[in-house]
Amino acid sequence: MKTMELLKKSLPIALVLFVATVSISAQDTKSQSTPTDVSQENHDAKEGQDKELFEYYYKTRPENLPPNKAKLEYNLIKTLKKEIMSRDYSKESAEAIKKIDATNIQYERVYRESKWLRGFMTQNTHLNYSEFMYIVKHDKYMCFVNFDVNPETYLQQSRQSHLVFAAKDKFEIVIPKP
């Protein structure tokens, strides 16, 4: 009986406290959502240095620039030369490396859907698919190259590369002098 009377007396008090806290929190959210100052709106309407900075920054981001063929060719040639130097130690290869430039290479972007690339990748299980995969050809050398990000946008090292070429004798390896 006493508990019922206490419950009846404390229920209105709890209800009043609940309503008070809800109204206070509602007033706080209303004060935060007030419209901005007139001076703030006027500043946004006029042309300012901050707007010019943002537009210049946005236009000069590498993702927003047109593709750069020179960067792509530089990345591919650099990878091809590195692969030739690491795999073919003959004197002819040293001469060939000096002659490699953008005018005497052929390159093509390849995609995962190509049945020839899938066959090559199943034979070379250490290679992985990526979004940016290329095949570069110079004379007797062909190189598979893949990149992490777009090589037309950034100067970068290749993620993976694999050189294929016909040596004089498959069992004769010229070991470089120490």
N, C-alpha and C. Protein backbone atom coordinates (compact mmCIF):
# COMPACT_ATOMS: atom_id res chain seq x y z
N MET A 1 0.81 -1.18 0.00
CA MET A 1 0.00 0.00 0.00
C MET A 1 0.87 1.26 0.00
N LYS A 2 1.89 1.23 0.84
CA LYS A 2 2.76 2.40 0.91
C LYS A 2 3.53 2.58 -0.41
N THR A 3 3.88 1.48 -1.01
CA THR A 3 4.60 1.59 -2.29
C THR A 3 3.73 2.19 -3.38
N MET A 4 2.45 1.88 -3.35
CA MET A 4 1.52 2.45 -4.34
C MET A 4 1.40 3.95 -4.16
N GLU A 5 1.33 4.38 -2.92
CA GLU A 5 1.21 5.81 -2.66
C GLU A 5 2.48 6.54 -3.08
N LEU A 6 3.64 5.92 -2.79
CA LEU A 6 4.90 6.53 -3.20
C LEU A 6 5.02 6.60 -4.73
N LEU A 7 4.57 5.55 -5.37
CA LEU A 7 4.60 5.49 -6.83
C LEU A 7 3.71 6.57 -7.43
N LYS A 8 2.53 6.78 -6.85
CA LYS A 8 1.61 7.80 -7.34
C LYS A 8 2.19 9.19 -7.17
N LYS A 9 2.93 9.42 -6.06
CA LYS A 9 3.51 10.73 -5.81
C LYS A 9 4.74 10.97 -6.69
N SER A 10 5.54 9.94 -6.93
CA SER A 10 6.78 10.12 -7.68
C SER A 10 6.56 10.11 -9.20
N LEU A 11 5.46 9.52 -9.64
CA LEU A 11 5.17 9.49 -11.07
C LEU A 11 5.00 10.89 -11.66
N PRO A 12 4.22 11.77 -11.07
CA PRO A 12 4.11 13.13 -11.63
C PRO A 12 5.45 13.88 -11.61
N ILE A 13 6.25 13.64 -10.58
CA ILE A 13 7.55 14.34 -10.50
C ILE A 13 8.46 13.85 -11.62
N ALA A 14 8.49 12.54 -11.86
CA ALA A 14 9.32 11.98 -12.93
C ALA A 14 8.85 12.48 -14.29
N LEU A 15 7.54 12.58 -14.45
CA LEU A 15 6.99 13.06 -15.71
C LEU A 15 7.37 14.52 -15.95
N VAL A 16 7.32 15.34 -14.91
CA VAL A 16 7.68 16.75 -15.03
C VAL A 16 9.17 16.88 -15.38
N LEU A 17 10.02 16.08 -14.73
CA LEU A 17 11.46 16.13 -15.03
C LEU A 17 11.74 15.70 -16.48
N PHE A 18 11.05 14.69 -16.94
CA PHE A 18 11.23 14.20 -18.31
C PHE A 18 10.85 15.27 -19.33
N VAL A 19 9.70 15.91 -19.12
CA VAL A 19 9.24 16.95 -20.03
C VAL A 19 10.21 18.13 -20.01
N ALA A 20 10.74 18.47 -18.85
CA ALA A 20 11.66 19.60 -18.74
C ALA A 20 12.96 19.31 -19.50
N THR A 21 13.50 18.11 -19.38
CA THR A 21 14.74 17.80 -20.09
C THR A 21 14.54 17.75 -21.60
N VAL A 22 13.39 17.26 -22.03
CA VAL A 22 13.10 17.22 -23.47
C VAL A 22 12.97 18.63 -24.02
N SER A 23 12.31 19.52 -23.29
CA SER A 23 12.14 20.88 -23.79
C SER A 23 13.47 21.63 -23.81
N ILE A 24 14.33 21.39 -22.83
CA ILE A 24 15.65 22.05 -22.81
C ILE A 24 16.49 21.57 -23.99
N SER A 25 16.49 20.27 -24.24
CA SER A 25 17.29 19.75 -25.36
C SER A 25 16.73 20.23 -26.69
N ALA A 26 15.42 20.40 -26.78
CA ALA A 26 14.82 20.90 -28.02
C ALA A 26 15.23 22.35 -28.26
N GLN A 27 15.32 23.14 -27.20
CA GLN A 27 15.74 24.53 -27.34
C GLN A 27 17.19 24.61 -27.80
N ASP A 28 18.05 23.69 -27.31
CA ASP A 28 19.45 23.70 -27.71
C ASP A 28 19.59 23.42 -29.20
N THR A 29 18.83 22.48 -29.72
CA THR A 29 18.94 22.16 -31.15
C THR A 29 18.39 23.28 -32.01
N LYS A 30 17.38 23.98 -31.52
CA LYS A 30 16.84 25.10 -32.29
C LYS A 30 17.86 26.23 -32.39
N SER A 31 18.60 26.49 -31.32
CA SER A 31 19.56 27.58 -31.35
C SER A 31 20.73 27.25 -32.28
N GLN A 32 21.04 25.97 -32.48
CA GLN A 32 22.13 25.59 -33.36
C GLN A 32 21.73 25.69 -34.82
N SER A 33 20.46 25.54 -35.12
CA SER A 33 20.02 25.51 -36.51
C SER A 33 19.51 26.87 -36.99
N THR A 34 19.94 27.95 -36.37
CA THR A 34 19.51 29.27 -36.81
C THR A 34 20.18 29.61 -38.13
N PRO A 35 19.54 30.43 -38.96
CA PRO A 35 20.15 30.78 -40.25
C PRO A 35 21.44 31.56 -40.05
N THR A 36 22.31 31.53 -41.06
CA THR A 36 23.61 32.19 -40.97
C THR A 36 23.44 33.71 -41.03
N ASP A 37 24.48 34.39 -40.67
CA ASP A 37 24.47 35.85 -40.70
C ASP A 37 24.30 36.35 -42.13
N VAL A 38 23.84 37.56 -42.23
CA VAL A 38 23.70 38.20 -43.53
C VAL A 38 25.09 38.44 -44.13
N SER A 39 26.07 38.77 -43.28
CA SER A 39 27.42 39.02 -43.79
C SER A 39 28.03 37.74 -44.35
N GLN A 40 27.73 36.60 -43.74
CA GLN A 40 28.22 35.31 -44.23
C GLN A 40 27.64 35.02 -45.61
N GLU A 41 26.35 35.27 -45.77
CA GLU A 41 25.71 35.03 -47.07
C GLU A 41 26.27 35.96 -48.14
N ASN A 42 26.53 37.20 -47.78
CA ASN A 42 27.09 38.14 -48.74
C ASN A 42 28.49 37.73 -49.17
N HIS A 43 29.28 37.20 -48.23
CA HIS A 43 30.64 36.76 -48.55
C HIS A 43 30.61 35.59 -49.53
N ASP A 44 29.67 34.67 -49.34
CA ASP A 44 29.57 33.53 -50.24
C ASP A 44 29.15 33.95 -51.64
N ALA A 45 28.39 35.03 -51.75
CA ALA A 45 27.89 35.46 -53.05
C ALA A 45 28.98 36.14 -53.87
N LYS A 46 29.92 36.82 -53.22
CA LYS A 46 30.93 37.54 -53.99
C LYS A 46 32.12 36.64 -54.31
N GLU A 47 32.86 37.05 -55.32
CA GLU A 47 34.05 36.31 -55.74
C GLU A 47 35.19 36.66 -54.78
N GLY A 48 35.77 35.65 -54.14
CA GLY A 48 36.85 35.89 -53.21
C GLY A 48 38.05 35.02 -53.52
N GLN A 49 39.12 35.28 -52.80
CA GLN A 49 40.34 34.50 -52.97
C GLN A 49 40.13 33.04 -52.58
N ASP A 50 39.28 32.82 -51.58
CA ASP A 50 39.06 31.43 -51.15
C ASP A 50 38.38 30.61 -52.23
N LYS A 51 37.44 31.23 -52.94
CA LYS A 51 36.78 30.52 -54.03
C LYS A 51 37.77 30.25 -55.16
N GLU A 52 38.59 31.24 -55.45
CA GLU A 52 39.60 31.07 -56.51
C GLU A 52 40.60 29.98 -56.14
N LEU A 53 41.00 29.94 -54.87
CA LEU A 53 41.92 28.89 -54.40
C LEU A 53 41.31 27.51 -54.58
N PHE A 54 40.06 27.36 -54.20
CA PHE A 54 39.41 26.06 -54.33
C PHE A 54 39.31 25.64 -55.79
N GLU A 55 38.90 26.55 -56.65
CA GLU A 55 38.77 26.21 -58.07
C GLU A 55 40.12 25.85 -58.69
N TYR A 56 41.16 26.60 -58.34
CA TYR A 56 42.50 26.31 -58.86
C TYR A 56 42.99 24.96 -58.35
N TYR A 57 42.77 24.69 -57.07
CA TYR A 57 43.16 23.39 -56.49
C TYR A 57 42.44 22.25 -57.20
N TYR A 58 41.16 22.41 -57.42
CA TYR A 58 40.37 21.35 -58.05
C TYR A 58 40.82 21.10 -59.48
N LYS A 59 41.14 22.16 -60.21
CA LYS A 59 41.56 22.00 -61.61
C LYS A 59 42.94 21.38 -61.74
N THR A 60 43.80 21.57 -60.74
CA THR A 60 45.17 21.08 -60.84
C THR A 60 45.39 19.74 -60.15
N ARG A 61 44.35 19.14 -59.62
CA ARG A 61 44.50 17.80 -59.04
C ARG A 61 44.82 16.82 -60.16
N PRO A 62 45.72 15.85 -59.92
CA PRO A 62 46.10 14.92 -60.99
C PRO A 62 44.93 14.13 -61.56
N GLU A 63 43.92 13.85 -60.75
CA GLU A 63 42.78 13.08 -61.24
C GLU A 63 41.95 13.88 -62.24
N ASN A 64 42.03 15.21 -62.19
CA ASN A 64 41.21 16.04 -63.05
C ASN A 64 41.95 16.55 -64.29
N LEU A 65 43.24 16.25 -64.39
CA LEU A 65 43.99 16.65 -65.56
C LEU A 65 43.80 15.62 -66.68
N PRO A 66 43.96 16.02 -67.92
CA PRO A 66 43.84 15.03 -69.00
C PRO A 66 44.98 14.02 -68.92
N PRO A 67 44.78 12.82 -69.44
CA PRO A 67 45.83 11.80 -69.39
C PRO A 67 47.11 12.30 -70.07
N ASN A 68 48.24 11.93 -69.50
CA ASN A 68 49.52 12.41 -69.98
C ASN A 68 50.28 11.24 -70.60
N LYS A 69 50.38 11.24 -71.92
CA LYS A 69 51.05 10.16 -72.64
C LYS A 69 52.54 10.10 -72.30
N ALA A 70 53.16 11.25 -72.08
CA ALA A 70 54.59 11.29 -71.77
C ALA A 70 54.88 10.58 -70.44
N LYS A 71 54.03 10.78 -69.44
CA LYS A 71 54.24 10.10 -68.16
C LYS A 71 54.09 8.60 -68.31
N LEU A 72 53.10 8.18 -69.07
CA LEU A 72 52.90 6.75 -69.30
C LEU A 72 54.12 6.15 -69.98
N GLU A 73 54.59 6.78 -71.05
CA GLU A 73 55.75 6.26 -71.77
C GLU A 73 56.99 6.25 -70.89
N TYR A 74 57.18 7.27 -70.08
CA TYR A 74 58.32 7.31 -69.17
C TYR A 74 58.27 6.14 -68.19
N ASN A 75 57.11 5.90 -67.59
CA ASN A 75 56.97 4.79 -66.64
C ASN A 75 57.23 3.45 -67.31
N LEU A 76 56.70 3.26 -68.51
CA LEU A 76 56.88 1.98 -69.21
C LEU A 76 58.33 1.77 -69.64
N ILE A 77 58.97 2.80 -70.17
CA ILE A 77 60.37 2.68 -70.61
C ILE A 77 61.28 2.43 -69.42
N LYS A 78 61.05 3.11 -68.33
CA LYS A 78 61.87 2.92 -67.13
C LYS A 78 61.77 1.48 -66.64
N THR A 79 60.57 0.92 -66.62
CA THR A 79 60.38 -0.46 -66.18
C THR A 79 61.03 -1.43 -67.15
N LEU A 80 60.86 -1.20 -68.44
CA LEU A 80 61.46 -2.08 -69.45
C LEU A 80 62.98 -2.10 -69.33
N LYS A 81 63.59 -0.94 -69.21
CA LYS A 81 65.05 -0.87 -69.06
C LYS A 81 65.52 -1.59 -67.80
N LYS A 82 64.81 -1.40 -66.71
CA LYS A 82 65.18 -2.06 -65.45
C LYS A 82 65.10 -3.58 -65.59
N GLU A 83 64.07 -4.07 -66.24
CA GLU A 83 63.91 -5.51 -66.43
C GLU A 83 64.99 -6.08 -67.35
N ILE A 84 65.31 -5.38 -68.42
CA ILE A 84 66.35 -5.86 -69.33
C ILE A 84 67.69 -5.91 -68.61
N MET A 85 68.00 -4.88 -67.84
CA MET A 85 69.28 -4.87 -67.11
C MET A 85 69.36 -6.00 -66.09
N SER A 86 68.25 -6.34 -65.48
CA SER A 86 68.29 -7.37 -64.44
C SER A 86 68.24 -8.79 -65.00
N ARG A 87 67.82 -8.97 -66.24
CA ARG A 87 67.67 -10.33 -66.78
C ARG A 87 68.63 -10.68 -67.90
N ASP A 88 69.03 -9.71 -68.71
CA ASP A 88 69.88 -9.99 -69.87
C ASP A 88 71.20 -9.25 -69.69
N TYR A 89 72.28 -10.03 -69.49
CA TYR A 89 73.58 -9.43 -69.19
C TYR A 89 74.49 -9.32 -70.40
N SER A 90 73.97 -9.58 -71.58
CA SER A 90 74.82 -9.55 -72.77
C SER A 90 75.19 -8.11 -73.14
N LYS A 91 76.26 -8.00 -73.94
CA LYS A 91 76.70 -6.67 -74.38
C LYS A 91 75.67 -6.01 -75.29
N GLU A 92 74.98 -6.85 -76.06
CA GLU A 92 73.97 -6.31 -76.97
C GLU A 92 72.84 -5.63 -76.19
N SER A 93 72.51 -6.20 -75.05
CA SER A 93 71.43 -5.61 -74.26
C SER A 93 71.82 -4.25 -73.70
N ALA A 94 73.09 -4.10 -73.33
CA ALA A 94 73.55 -2.80 -72.83
C ALA A 94 73.44 -1.74 -73.92
N GLU A 95 73.74 -2.13 -75.15
CA GLU A 95 73.59 -1.20 -76.27
C GLU A 95 72.12 -0.92 -76.57
N ALA A 96 71.30 -1.97 -76.46
CA ALA A 96 69.87 -1.81 -76.75
C ALA A 96 69.19 -0.90 -75.73
N ILE A 97 69.61 -0.98 -74.48
CA ILE A 97 69.02 -0.15 -73.43
C ILE A 97 69.23 1.33 -73.73
N LYS A 98 70.40 1.67 -74.24
CA LYS A 98 70.70 3.07 -74.55
C LYS A 98 69.82 3.61 -75.67
N LYS A 99 69.37 2.72 -76.55
CA LYS A 99 68.60 3.15 -77.71
C LYS A 99 67.09 3.19 -77.47
N ILE A 100 66.64 2.70 -76.33
CA ILE A 100 65.20 2.65 -76.06
C ILE A 100 64.68 4.05 -75.77
N ASP A 101 63.68 4.45 -76.53
CA ASP A 101 62.96 5.70 -76.25
C ASP A 101 61.53 5.55 -76.75
N ALA A 102 60.76 6.59 -76.64
CA ALA A 102 59.33 6.52 -76.95
C ALA A 102 59.05 6.26 -78.43
N THR A 103 60.01 6.56 -79.29
CA THR A 103 59.77 6.39 -80.73
C THR A 103 59.92 4.94 -81.18
N ASN A 104 60.66 4.12 -80.45
CA ASN A 104 60.90 2.76 -80.92
C ASN A 104 60.34 1.67 -79.99
N ILE A 105 59.35 2.01 -79.21
CA ILE A 105 58.66 0.99 -78.42
C ILE A 105 57.20 0.93 -78.87
N GLN A 106 56.60 -0.20 -78.62
CA GLN A 106 55.17 -0.36 -78.82
C GLN A 106 54.59 -0.77 -77.48
N TYR A 107 53.44 -0.24 -77.15
CA TYR A 107 52.82 -0.61 -75.89
C TYR A 107 51.31 -0.63 -76.07
N GLU A 108 50.69 -1.41 -75.20
CA GLU A 108 49.24 -1.54 -75.26
C GLU A 108 48.73 -1.86 -73.86
N ARG A 109 47.62 -1.26 -73.52
CA ARG A 109 46.98 -1.60 -72.25
C ARG A 109 46.18 -2.88 -72.44
N VAL A 110 46.31 -3.80 -71.49
CA VAL A 110 45.61 -5.08 -71.59
C VAL A 110 44.65 -5.20 -70.41
N TYR A 111 43.64 -6.04 -70.62
CA TYR A 111 42.58 -6.17 -69.62
C TYR A 111 42.41 -7.63 -69.22
N ARG A 112 41.83 -7.83 -68.08
CA ARG A 112 41.60 -9.15 -67.51
C ARG A 112 40.76 -10.04 -68.42
N GLU A 113 39.91 -9.45 -69.23
CA GLU A 113 39.00 -10.22 -70.08
C GLU A 113 39.70 -10.91 -71.24
N SER A 114 40.91 -10.52 -71.56
CA SER A 114 41.64 -11.10 -72.69
C SER A 114 41.99 -12.56 -72.41
N LYS A 115 41.64 -13.45 -73.32
CA LYS A 115 41.93 -14.87 -73.10
C LYS A 115 43.43 -15.12 -73.17
N TRP A 116 44.17 -14.32 -73.95
CA TRP A 116 45.61 -14.50 -74.05
C TRP A 116 46.28 -14.07 -72.75
N LEU A 117 45.81 -12.99 -72.17
CA LEU A 117 46.37 -12.55 -70.89
C LEU A 117 46.06 -13.55 -69.79
N ARG A 118 44.84 -14.09 -69.80
CA ARG A 118 44.50 -15.10 -68.79
C ARG A 118 45.41 -16.31 -68.91
N GLY A 119 45.72 -16.74 -70.14
CA GLY A 119 46.64 -17.85 -70.34
C GLY A 119 48.03 -17.54 -69.82
N PHE A 120 48.50 -16.33 -70.10
CA PHE A 120 49.82 -15.89 -69.61
C PHE A 120 49.85 -15.86 -68.09
N MET A 121 48.77 -15.36 -67.48
CA MET A 121 48.72 -15.24 -66.02
C MET A 121 48.63 -16.61 -65.34
N THR A 122 47.96 -17.58 -65.97
CA THR A 122 47.89 -18.91 -65.34
C THR A 122 49.25 -19.59 -65.39
N GLN A 123 50.06 -19.28 -66.39
CA GLN A 123 51.41 -19.84 -66.47
C GLN A 123 52.37 -19.14 -65.51
N ASN A 124 52.12 -17.90 -65.21
CA ASN A 124 52.97 -17.09 -64.32
C ASN A 124 52.16 -16.73 -63.08
N THR A 125 52.05 -17.67 -62.18
CA THR A 125 51.16 -17.50 -61.02
C THR A 125 51.65 -16.45 -60.03
N HIS A 126 52.91 -16.03 -60.15
CA HIS A 126 53.41 -15.00 -59.24
C HIS A 126 52.91 -13.60 -59.61
N LEU A 127 52.32 -13.47 -60.79
CA LEU A 127 51.78 -12.18 -61.22
C LEU A 127 50.32 -12.05 -60.81
N ASN A 128 49.91 -10.84 -60.51
CA ASN A 128 48.53 -10.57 -60.10
C ASN A 128 47.86 -9.64 -61.09
N TYR A 129 46.55 -9.75 -61.17
CA TYR A 129 45.77 -8.82 -61.98
C TYR A 129 45.69 -7.48 -61.26
N SER A 130 45.64 -6.42 -62.04
CA SER A 130 45.39 -5.09 -61.48
C SER A 130 44.62 -4.29 -62.52
N GLU A 131 44.26 -3.10 -62.17
CA GLU A 131 43.47 -2.28 -63.08
C GLU A 131 44.32 -1.71 -64.22
N PHE A 132 45.60 -1.47 -63.95
CA PHE A 132 46.47 -0.84 -64.93
C PHE A 132 47.56 -1.81 -65.36
N MET A 133 47.30 -2.57 -66.43
CA MET A 133 48.25 -3.57 -66.94
C MET A 133 48.61 -3.21 -68.38
N TYR A 134 49.90 -3.31 -68.69
CA TYR A 134 50.39 -2.96 -70.02
C TYR A 134 51.37 -4.02 -70.52
N ILE A 135 51.49 -4.09 -71.84
CA ILE A 135 52.52 -4.90 -72.47
C ILE A 135 53.36 -3.94 -73.30
N VAL A 136 54.68 -3.99 -73.08
CA VAL A 136 55.62 -3.12 -73.77
C VAL A 136 56.52 -3.99 -74.64
N LYS A 137 56.76 -3.55 -75.85
CA LYS A 137 57.60 -4.33 -76.77
C LYS A 137 58.69 -3.44 -77.35
N HIS A 138 59.92 -3.96 -77.33
CA HIS A 138 61.05 -3.31 -77.99
C HIS A 138 61.93 -4.40 -78.56
N ASP A 139 62.09 -4.42 -79.87
CA ASP A 139 62.94 -5.38 -80.55
C ASP A 139 62.55 -6.81 -80.14
N LYS A 140 63.44 -7.55 -79.50
CA LYS A 140 63.13 -8.93 -79.11
C LYS A 140 62.55 -9.02 -77.70
N TYR A 141 62.43 -7.92 -77.01
CA TYR A 141 61.97 -7.91 -75.62
C TYR A 141 60.49 -7.57 -75.54
N MET A 142 59.78 -8.33 -74.74
CA MET A 142 58.39 -8.01 -74.41
C MET A 142 58.28 -8.05 -72.89
N CYS A 143 57.58 -7.10 -72.34
CA CYS A 143 57.50 -7.00 -70.89
C CYS A 143 56.05 -6.76 -70.48
N PHE A 144 55.59 -7.56 -69.53
CA PHE A 144 54.28 -7.35 -68.91
C PHE A 144 54.51 -6.47 -67.69
N VAL A 145 53.74 -5.40 -67.58
CA VAL A 145 53.91 -4.44 -66.49
C VAL A 145 52.55 -4.13 -65.89
N ASN A 146 52.46 -4.11 -64.55
CA ASN A 146 51.23 -3.59 -63.95
C ASN A 146 51.56 -2.58 -62.86
N PHE A 147 50.65 -1.64 -62.69
CA PHE A 147 50.83 -0.52 -61.78
C PHE A 147 49.70 -0.49 -60.76
N ASP A 148 49.99 0.12 -59.60
CA ASP A 148 48.97 0.29 -58.57
C ASP A 148 47.97 1.37 -58.95
N VAL A 149 48.47 2.48 -59.45
CA VAL A 149 47.61 3.60 -59.85
C VAL A 149 47.90 3.95 -61.30
N ASN A 150 47.12 4.82 -61.85
CA ASN A 150 47.20 5.16 -63.27
C ASN A 150 48.58 5.72 -63.63
N PRO A 151 49.33 5.05 -64.51
CA PRO A 151 50.66 5.55 -64.88
C PRO A 151 50.61 6.77 -65.79
N GLU A 152 49.45 7.12 -66.30
CA GLU A 152 49.32 8.34 -67.09
C GLU A 152 49.23 9.57 -66.18
N THR A 153 48.98 9.33 -64.91
CA THR A 153 48.79 10.43 -63.97
C THR A 153 50.02 10.71 -63.12
N TYR A 154 50.72 9.64 -62.69
CA TYR A 154 51.84 9.79 -61.76
C TYR A 154 53.09 9.11 -62.31
N LEU A 155 54.26 9.68 -62.00
CA LEU A 155 55.52 8.99 -62.24
C LEU A 155 55.70 8.02 -61.08
N GLN A 156 55.93 6.74 -61.40
CA GLN A 156 55.95 5.73 -60.35
C GLN A 156 56.70 4.48 -60.78
N GLN A 157 57.00 3.65 -59.81
CA GLN A 157 57.57 2.33 -60.06
C GLN A 157 56.43 1.38 -60.38
N SER A 158 56.73 0.38 -61.19
CA SER A 158 55.70 -0.62 -61.46
C SER A 158 55.55 -1.52 -60.24
N ARG A 159 54.35 -2.07 -60.07
CA ARG A 159 54.13 -2.99 -58.96
C ARG A 159 54.74 -4.34 -59.29
N GLN A 160 54.50 -4.83 -60.50
CA GLN A 160 55.06 -6.09 -60.95
C GLN A 160 55.44 -5.96 -62.42
N SER A 161 56.46 -6.71 -62.81
CA SER A 161 56.83 -6.74 -64.22
C SER A 161 57.45 -8.09 -64.52
N HIS A 162 57.31 -8.51 -65.76
CA HIS A 162 57.84 -9.80 -66.18
C HIS A 162 58.34 -9.66 -67.61
N LEU A 163 59.65 -9.90 -67.80
CA LEU A 163 60.27 -9.75 -69.11
C LEU A 163 60.30 -11.09 -69.82
N VAL A 164 59.96 -11.08 -71.09
CA VAL A 164 60.01 -12.28 -71.93
C VAL A 164 60.88 -11.96 -73.13
N PHE A 165 61.91 -12.78 -73.37
CA PHE A 165 62.75 -12.59 -74.54
C PHE A 165 63.41 -13.90 -74.91
N ALA A 166 63.84 -14.01 -76.15
CA ALA A 166 64.52 -15.21 -76.63
C ALA A 166 66.02 -14.99 -76.49
N ALA A 167 66.64 -15.71 -75.59
CA ALA A 167 68.09 -15.61 -75.41
C ALA A 167 68.78 -16.49 -76.45
N LYS A 168 70.10 -16.39 -76.55
CA LYS A 168 70.83 -17.20 -77.52
C LYS A 168 70.67 -18.68 -77.23
N ASP A 169 70.91 -19.05 -76.00
CA ASP A 169 70.77 -20.44 -75.58
C ASP A 169 70.12 -20.41 -74.21
N LYS A 170 69.06 -21.15 -74.05
CA LYS A 170 68.32 -21.10 -72.79
C LYS A 170 69.14 -21.62 -71.62
N PHE A 171 70.14 -22.46 -71.88
CA PHE A 171 70.92 -23.02 -70.79
C PHE A 171 72.25 -22.32 -70.59
N GLU A 172 72.53 -21.35 -71.41
CA GLU A 172 73.78 -20.60 -71.28
C GLU A 172 73.46 -19.25 -70.65
N ILE A 173 73.94 -19.05 -69.46
CA ILE A 173 73.68 -17.81 -68.75
C ILE A 173 75.01 -17.09 -68.54
N VAL A 174 75.05 -15.85 -68.91
CA VAL A 174 76.26 -15.06 -68.71
C VAL A 174 76.16 -14.41 -67.34
N ILE A 175 77.07 -14.77 -66.47
CA ILE A 175 77.07 -14.22 -65.11
C ILE A 175 77.90 -12.94 -65.13
N PRO A 176 77.37 -11.86 -64.61
CA PRO A 176 78.14 -10.61 -64.62
C PRO A 176 79.33 -10.68 -63.69
N LYS A 177 80.36 -9.90 -64.01
CA LYS A 177 81.56 -9.86 -63.17
C LYS A 177 81.24 -9.08 -61.89
N PRO A 178 81.78 -9.54 -60.76
CA PRO A 178 81.50 -8.85 -59.50
C PRO A 178 82.15 -7.49 -59.39
